[in-house]
């Protein structure tokens, strides 16, 4: 069965989820529940990489290598890849707690006329909702601004409570892990 995940469908699913959850959280009394805030995790970070956008993009899109350098990623299986879409199974481990999920990924390689991006969504396995986005913006010939954001909610509230204290620490390591990977690959190229 061919893979077909229209970008519009992914964007609409993300916006629909945000709208539904905002309505649920606001409820009759118009205030946002602190329980919902505990359950939905959001993290954004950006960093400057001393390389071309396509070099960073190639490291981020090479999901099968994640278990070599991404702190929480223990195993990755690329199920399907067609054109600018893929389906990926991941095994994540956070301080001894393991969980699997499948991500549907769409992407656009950076070029001279456009910034590149990678978007992933999941609503299965350990996640009730996962939306992840990378942007690769050329600053000049030797610098790239990388913007990373992730928003997720675990299916299990107990899983969410257990990981609430460590998820920010784990997520803050993402840009650093990819920056280290890009630098180590650049050094290997030079030697």
C-alpha atoms as a PDB file:
ATOM      1  CA  UNK A   1       0.000   0.000   0.000  1.00  0.00           C
ATOM      2  CA  UNK A   2       1.652   3.286  -1.051  1.00  0.00           C
ATOM      3  CA  UNK A   3       2.289   5.937   1.556  1.00  0.00           C
ATOM      4  CA  UNK A   4       0.330   9.137   1.057  1.00  0.00           C
ATOM      5  CA  UNK A   5       0.243  11.694   3.850  1.00  0.00           C
ATOM      6  CA  UNK A   6      -0.776  15.081   2.446  1.00  0.00           C
ATOM      7  CA  UNK A   7       0.877  17.966   4.273  1.00  0.00           C
ATOM      8  CA  UNK A   8      -2.487  19.720   4.545  1.00  0.00           C
ATOM      9  CA  UNK A   9      -3.885  16.680   6.394  1.00  0.00           C
ATOM     10  CA  UNK A  10      -1.006  16.722   8.896  1.00  0.00           C
ATOM     11  CA  UNK A  11      -1.338  20.467   9.485  1.00  0.00           C
ATOM     12  CA  UNK A  12      -5.131  20.210   9.893  1.00  0.00           C
ATOM     13  CA  UNK A  13      -4.827  17.271  12.311  1.00  0.00           C
ATOM     14  CA  UNK A  14      -2.400  19.268  14.442  1.00  0.00           C
ATOM     15  CA  UNK A  15      -4.593  22.401  14.416  1.00  0.00           C
ATOM     16  CA  UNK A  16      -7.732  20.348  15.086  1.00  0.00           C
ATOM     17  CA  UNK A  17      -6.092  18.668  18.081  1.00  0.00           C
ATOM     18  CA  UNK A  18      -4.988  22.049  19.489  1.00  0.00           C
ATOM     19  CA  UNK A  19      -8.481  23.483  19.001  1.00  0.00           C
ATOM     20  CA  UNK A  20     -10.234  20.500  20.638  1.00  0.00           C
ATOM     21  CA  UNK A  21      -7.882  20.424  23.596  1.00  0.00           C
ATOM     22  CA  UNK A  22      -8.158  24.185  24.108  1.00  0.00           C
ATOM     23  CA  UNK A  23     -11.964  23.909  24.136  1.00  0.00           C
ATOM     24  CA  UNK A  24     -11.862  20.961  26.568  1.00  0.00           C
ATOM     25  CA  UNK A  25      -9.379  22.721  28.825  1.00  0.00           C
ATOM     26  CA  UNK A  26     -11.329  25.994  28.930  1.00  0.00           C
ATOM     27  CA  UNK A  27     -14.545  24.218  29.899  1.00  0.00           C
ATOM     28  CA  UNK A  28     -17.652  26.014  31.225  1.00  0.00           C
ATOM     29  CA  UNK A  29     -15.757  28.330  33.533  1.00  0.00           C
ATOM     30  CA  UNK A  30     -13.284  29.652  30.961  1.00  0.00           C
ATOM     31  CA  UNK A  31     -10.081  28.620  32.733  1.00  0.00           C
ATOM     32  CA  UNK A  32      -7.427  26.255  31.569  1.00  0.00           C
ATOM     33  CA  UNK A  33      -7.039  23.148  33.694  1.00  0.00           C
ATOM     34  CA  UNK A  34      -3.669  22.675  35.410  1.00  0.00           C
ATOM     35  CA  UNK A  35      -4.090  18.920  34.780  1.00  0.00           C
ATOM     36  CA  UNK A  36      -4.108  19.574  31.031  1.00  0.00           C
ATOM     37  CA  UNK A  37      -0.952  21.678  31.354  1.00  0.00           C
ATOM     38  CA  UNK A  38       0.685  18.763  33.160  1.00  0.00           C
ATOM     39  CA  UNK A  39      -0.303  16.349  30.412  1.00  0.00           C
ATOM     40  CA  UNK A  40       0.617  18.381  27.295  1.00  0.00           C
ATOM     41  CA  UNK A  41       4.357  18.915  26.954  1.00  0.00           C
ATOM     42  CA  UNK A  42       5.775  21.593  24.682  1.00  0.00           C
ATOM     43  CA  UNK A  43       9.376  22.472  23.969  1.00  0.00           C
ATOM     44  CA  UNK A  44      11.032  24.858  21.502  1.00  0.00           C
ATOM     45  CA  UNK A  45      14.686  25.504  20.846  1.00  0.00           C
ATOM     46  CA  UNK A  46      16.838  26.979  18.137  1.00  0.00           C
ATOM     47  CA  UNK A  47      20.536  26.957  17.455  1.00  0.00           C
ATOM     48  CA  UNK A  48      23.094  28.043  14.913  1.00  0.00           C
ATOM     49  CA  UNK A  49      25.036  25.343  13.099  1.00  0.00           C
ATOM     50  CA  UNK A  50      28.282  26.156  11.299  1.00  0.00           C
ATOM     51  CA  UNK A  51      27.390  24.364   8.068  1.00  0.00           C
ATOM     52  CA  UNK A  52      24.953  24.429   5.171  1.00  0.00           C
ATOM     53  CA  UNK A  53      21.213  23.792   5.774  1.00  0.00           C
ATOM     54  CA  UNK A  54      21.317  20.598   3.702  1.00  0.00           C
ATOM     55  CA  UNK A  55      24.119  19.146   5.870  1.00  0.00           C
ATOM     56  CA  UNK A  56      22.005  19.524   9.024  1.00  0.00           C
ATOM     57  CA  UNK A  57      18.898  18.341   7.191  1.00  0.00           C
ATOM     58  CA  UNK A  58      20.673  15.132   6.105  1.00  0.00           C
ATOM     59  CA  UNK A  59      21.583  14.315   9.726  1.00  0.00           C
ATOM     60  CA  UNK A  60      18.029  14.953  10.996  1.00  0.00           C
ATOM     61  CA  UNK A  61      16.340  13.007   8.184  1.00  0.00           C
ATOM     62  CA  UNK A  62      18.653   9.990   8.679  1.00  0.00           C
ATOM     63  CA  UNK A  63      16.343   8.533  11.339  1.00  0.00           C
ATOM     64  CA  UNK A  64      17.923   5.079  11.220  1.00  0.00           C
ATOM     65  CA  UNK A  65      21.039   6.539  12.892  1.00  0.00           C
ATOM     66  CA  UNK A  66      19.156   8.177  15.801  1.00  0.00           C
ATOM     67  CA  UNK A  67      19.932   5.355  18.215  1.00  0.00           C
ATOM     68  CA  UNK A  68      23.647   6.183  17.738  1.00  0.00           C
ATOM     69  CA  UNK A  69      23.364   9.701  19.162  1.00  0.00           C
ATOM     70  CA  UNK A  70      19.871  10.780  20.328  1.00  0.00           C
ATOM     71  CA  UNK A  71      19.757  10.310  24.140  1.00  0.00           C
ATOM     72  CA  UNK A  72      16.264   8.776  24.482  1.00  0.00           C
ATOM     73  CA  UNK A  73      16.165   6.827  21.200  1.00  0.00           C
ATOM     74  CA  UNK A  74      17.052   3.138  21.598  1.00  0.00           C
ATOM     75  CA  UNK A  75      15.940   1.690  18.244  1.00  0.00           C
ATOM     76  CA  UNK A  76      14.493   2.879  14.932  1.00  0.00           C
ATOM     77  CA  UNK A  77      12.894   0.945  12.098  1.00  0.00           C
ATOM     78  CA  UNK A  78      12.138   2.694   8.805  1.00  0.00           C
ATOM     79  CA  UNK A  79       8.924   0.989   7.665  1.00  0.00           C
ATOM     80  CA  UNK A  80       8.337   2.884   4.454  1.00  0.00           C
ATOM     81  CA  UNK A  81       9.824   5.783   2.486  1.00  0.00           C
ATOM     82  CA  UNK A  82       8.317   7.250  -0.661  1.00  0.00           C
ATOM     83  CA  UNK A  83       9.339  10.606  -2.136  1.00  0.00           C
ATOM     84  CA  UNK A  84       9.131  13.149   0.699  1.00  0.00           C
ATOM     85  CA  UNK A  85       7.247  10.958   3.190  1.00  0.00           C
ATOM     86  CA  UNK A  86       8.137   8.092   5.489  1.00  0.00           C
ATOM     87  CA  UNK A  87       6.750   5.979   8.308  1.00  0.00           C
ATOM     88  CA  UNK A  88       9.097   5.209  11.193  1.00  0.00           C
ATOM     89  CA  UNK A  89       8.801   2.965  14.290  1.00  0.00           C
ATOM     90  CA  UNK A  90      10.798   4.153  17.307  1.00  0.00           C
ATOM     91  CA  UNK A  91      11.630   2.679  20.694  1.00  0.00           C
ATOM     92  CA  UNK A  92      12.187   5.374  23.297  1.00  0.00           C
ATOM     93  CA  UNK A  93      13.598   4.882  26.786  1.00  0.00           C
ATOM     94  CA  UNK A  94      13.504   7.461  29.562  1.00  0.00           C
ATOM     95  CA  UNK A  95      15.370   6.402  32.707  1.00  0.00           C
ATOM     96  CA  UNK A  96      14.399   2.754  32.369  1.00  0.00           C
ATOM     97  CA  UNK A  97      10.843   3.396  31.132  1.00  0.00           C
ATOM     98  CA  UNK A  98      10.392   2.166  27.552  1.00  0.00           C
ATOM     99  CA  UNK A  99       7.723   2.845  24.971  1.00  0.00           C
ATOM    100  CA  UNK A 100       7.154   2.393  21.235  1.00  0.00           C
ATOM    101  CA  UNK A 101       5.446   4.632  18.728  1.00  0.00           C
ATOM    102  CA  UNK A 102       5.099   5.142  14.987  1.00  0.00           C
ATOM    103  CA  UNK A 103       5.672   8.530  13.349  1.00  0.00           C
ATOM    104  CA  UNK A 104       4.439   9.679   9.972  1.00  0.00           C
ATOM    105  CA  UNK A 105       7.067  12.056   8.618  1.00  0.00           C
ATOM    106  CA  UNK A 106       6.918  14.570   5.772  1.00  0.00           C
ATOM    107  CA  UNK A 107       9.847  16.686   4.667  1.00  0.00           C
ATOM    108  CA  UNK A 108      11.229  19.159   2.162  1.00  0.00           C
ATOM    109  CA  UNK A 109      14.971  19.383   1.520  1.00  0.00           C
ATOM    110  CA  UNK A 110      16.463  22.871   1.799  1.00  0.00           C
ATOM    111  CA  UNK A 111      17.377  24.525  -1.483  1.00  0.00           C
ATOM    112  CA  UNK A 112      18.513  27.921  -2.662  1.00  0.00           C
ATOM    113  CA  UNK A 113      14.911  29.093  -2.967  1.00  0.00           C
ATOM    114  CA  UNK A 114      13.323  27.648   0.168  1.00  0.00           C
ATOM    115  CA  UNK A 115      14.074  26.654   3.720  1.00  0.00           C
ATOM    116  CA  UNK A 116      13.896  22.968   4.466  1.00  0.00           C
ATOM    117  CA  UNK A 117      11.629  21.375   7.031  1.00  0.00           C
ATOM    118  CA  UNK A 118      10.761  18.046   8.602  1.00  0.00           C
ATOM    119  CA  UNK A 119       7.433  17.368  10.333  1.00  0.00           C
ATOM    120  CA  UNK A 120       6.420  14.260  12.267  1.00  0.00           C
ATOM    121  CA  UNK A 121       3.063  13.300  13.770  1.00  0.00           C
ATOM    122  CA  UNK A 122       1.993  10.346  15.872  1.00  0.00           C
ATOM    123  CA  UNK A 123      -1.125   9.350  17.756  1.00  0.00           C
ATOM    124  CA  UNK A 124      -0.294   5.771  18.635  1.00  0.00           C
ATOM    125  CA  UNK A 125       1.946   3.753  20.888  1.00  0.00           C
ATOM    126  CA  UNK A 126       2.916   5.771  23.957  1.00  0.00           C
ATOM    127  CA  UNK A 127       1.494   9.024  22.567  1.00  0.00           C
ATOM    128  CA  UNK A 128      -2.020  10.368  22.506  1.00  0.00           C
ATOM    129  CA  UNK A 129      -0.591  13.196  20.406  1.00  0.00           C
ATOM    130  CA  UNK A 130       2.872  14.040  19.045  1.00  0.00           C
ATOM    131  CA  UNK A 131       3.791  16.876  16.700  1.00  0.00           C
ATOM    132  CA  UNK A 132       7.438  17.599  15.930  1.00  0.00           C
ATOM    133  CA  UNK A 133       8.902  20.138  13.515  1.00  0.00           C
ATOM    134  CA  UNK A 134      12.385  21.088  12.338  1.00  0.00           C
ATOM    135  CA  UNK A 135      13.205  24.137  10.174  1.00  0.00           C
ATOM    136  CA  UNK A 136      16.537  24.736   8.439  1.00  0.00           C
ATOM    137  CA  UNK A 137      17.143  28.395   7.561  1.00  0.00           C
ATOM    138  CA  UNK A 138      20.251  29.584   5.749  1.00  0.00           C
ATOM    139  CA  UNK A 139      21.899  32.550   7.483  1.00  0.00           C
ATOM    140  CA  UNK A 140      24.883  32.753   5.138  1.00  0.00           C
ATOM    141  CA  UNK A 141      27.199  30.381   3.270  1.00  0.00           C
ATOM    142  CA  UNK A 142      28.535  28.815   6.459  1.00  0.00           C
ATOM    143  CA  UNK A 143      25.705  29.174   8.996  1.00  0.00           C
ATOM    144  CA  UNK A 144      22.279  27.633   9.403  1.00  0.00           C
ATOM    145  CA  UNK A 145      19.588  28.510  11.929  1.00  0.00           C
ATOM    146  CA  UNK A 146      17.868  25.329  13.086  1.00  0.00           C
ATOM    147  CA  UNK A 147      14.482  25.666  14.785  1.00  0.00           C
ATOM    148  CA  UNK A 148      13.092  22.682  16.664  1.00  0.00           C
ATOM    149  CA  UNK A 149       9.707  22.343  18.332  1.00  0.00           C
ATOM    150  CA  UNK A 150       7.867  19.405  19.804  1.00  0.00           C
ATOM    151  CA  UNK A 151       4.463  19.072  21.398  1.00  0.00           C
ATOM    152  CA  UNK A 152       3.239  15.804  22.854  1.00  0.00           C
ATOM    153  CA  UNK A 153       0.882  14.142  25.269  1.00  0.00           C
ATOM    154  CA  UNK A 154       1.323  10.610  26.550  1.00  0.00           C
ATOM    155  CA  UNK A 155      -1.628   8.211  26.500  1.00  0.00           C
ATOM    156  CA  UNK A 156      -0.956   7.181  30.073  1.00  0.00           C
ATOM    157  CA  UNK A 157      -1.343   9.877  32.729  1.00  0.00           C
ATOM    158  CA  UNK A 158       0.923   7.905  35.080  1.00  0.00           C
ATOM    159  CA  UNK A 159       3.601   7.788  32.362  1.00  0.00           C
ATOM    160  CA  UNK A 160       3.218  11.547  31.938  1.00  0.00           C
ATOM    161  CA  UNK A 161       3.530  12.216  35.662  1.00  0.00           C
ATOM    162  CA  UNK A 162       6.632  10.026  35.930  1.00  0.00           C
ATOM    163  CA  UNK A 163       8.311  11.793  33.036  1.00  0.00           C
ATOM    164  CA  UNK A 164       7.120  15.328  33.794  1.00  0.00           C
ATOM    165  CA  UNK A 165      10.228  16.153  35.800  1.00  0.00           C
ATOM    166  CA  UNK A 166      12.744  14.854  33.252  1.00  0.00           C
ATOM    167  CA  UNK A 167      11.216  15.640  29.864  1.00  0.00           C
ATOM    168  CA  UNK A 168      12.528  19.236  29.736  1.00  0.00           C
ATOM    169  CA  UNK A 169      16.021  18.015  30.533  1.00  0.00           C
ATOM    170  CA  UNK A 170      15.766  15.290  27.880  1.00  0.00           C
ATOM    171  CA  UNK A 171      14.343  17.639  25.243  1.00  0.00           C
ATOM    172  CA  UNK A 172      17.003  20.280  25.954  1.00  0.00           C
ATOM    173  CA  UNK A 173      19.601  17.748  24.810  1.00  0.00           C
ATOM    174  CA  UNK A 174      18.101  17.401  21.322  1.00  0.00           C
ATOM    175  CA  UNK A 175      19.734  20.360  19.530  1.00  0.00           C
ATOM    176  CA  UNK A 176      23.051  19.623  21.289  1.00  0.00           C
ATOM    177  CA  UNK A 177      22.921  15.961  20.184  1.00  0.00           C
ATOM    178  CA  UNK A 178      22.322  16.907  16.562  1.00  0.00           C
ATOM    179  CA  UNK A 179      24.959  19.657  16.654  1.00  0.00           C
ATOM    180  CA  UNK A 180      27.497  17.163  18.036  1.00  0.00           C
ATOM    181  CA  UNK A 181      26.526  14.665  15.323  1.00  0.00           C
ATOM    182  CA  UNK A 182      26.958  17.233  12.525  1.00  0.00           C
ATOM    183  CA  UNK A 183      30.361  18.259  13.927  1.00  0.00           C
ATOM    184  CA  UNK A 184      31.577  14.657  14.296  1.00  0.00           C
ATOM    185  CA  UNK A 185      30.527  13.818  10.717  1.00  0.00           C
ATOM    186  CA  UNK A 186      32.288  16.960   9.443  1.00  0.00           C
ATOM    187  CA  UNK A 187      35.488  15.923  11.262  1.00  0.00           C
ATOM    188  CA  UNK A 188      35.290  12.419   9.735  1.00  0.00           C
ATOM    189  CA  UNK A 189      34.925  13.995   6.291  1.00  0.00           C
ATOM    190  CA  UNK A 190      38.081  16.070   6.806  1.00  0.00           C
ATOM    191  CA  UNK A 191      40.227  13.164   7.996  1.00  0.00           C
END
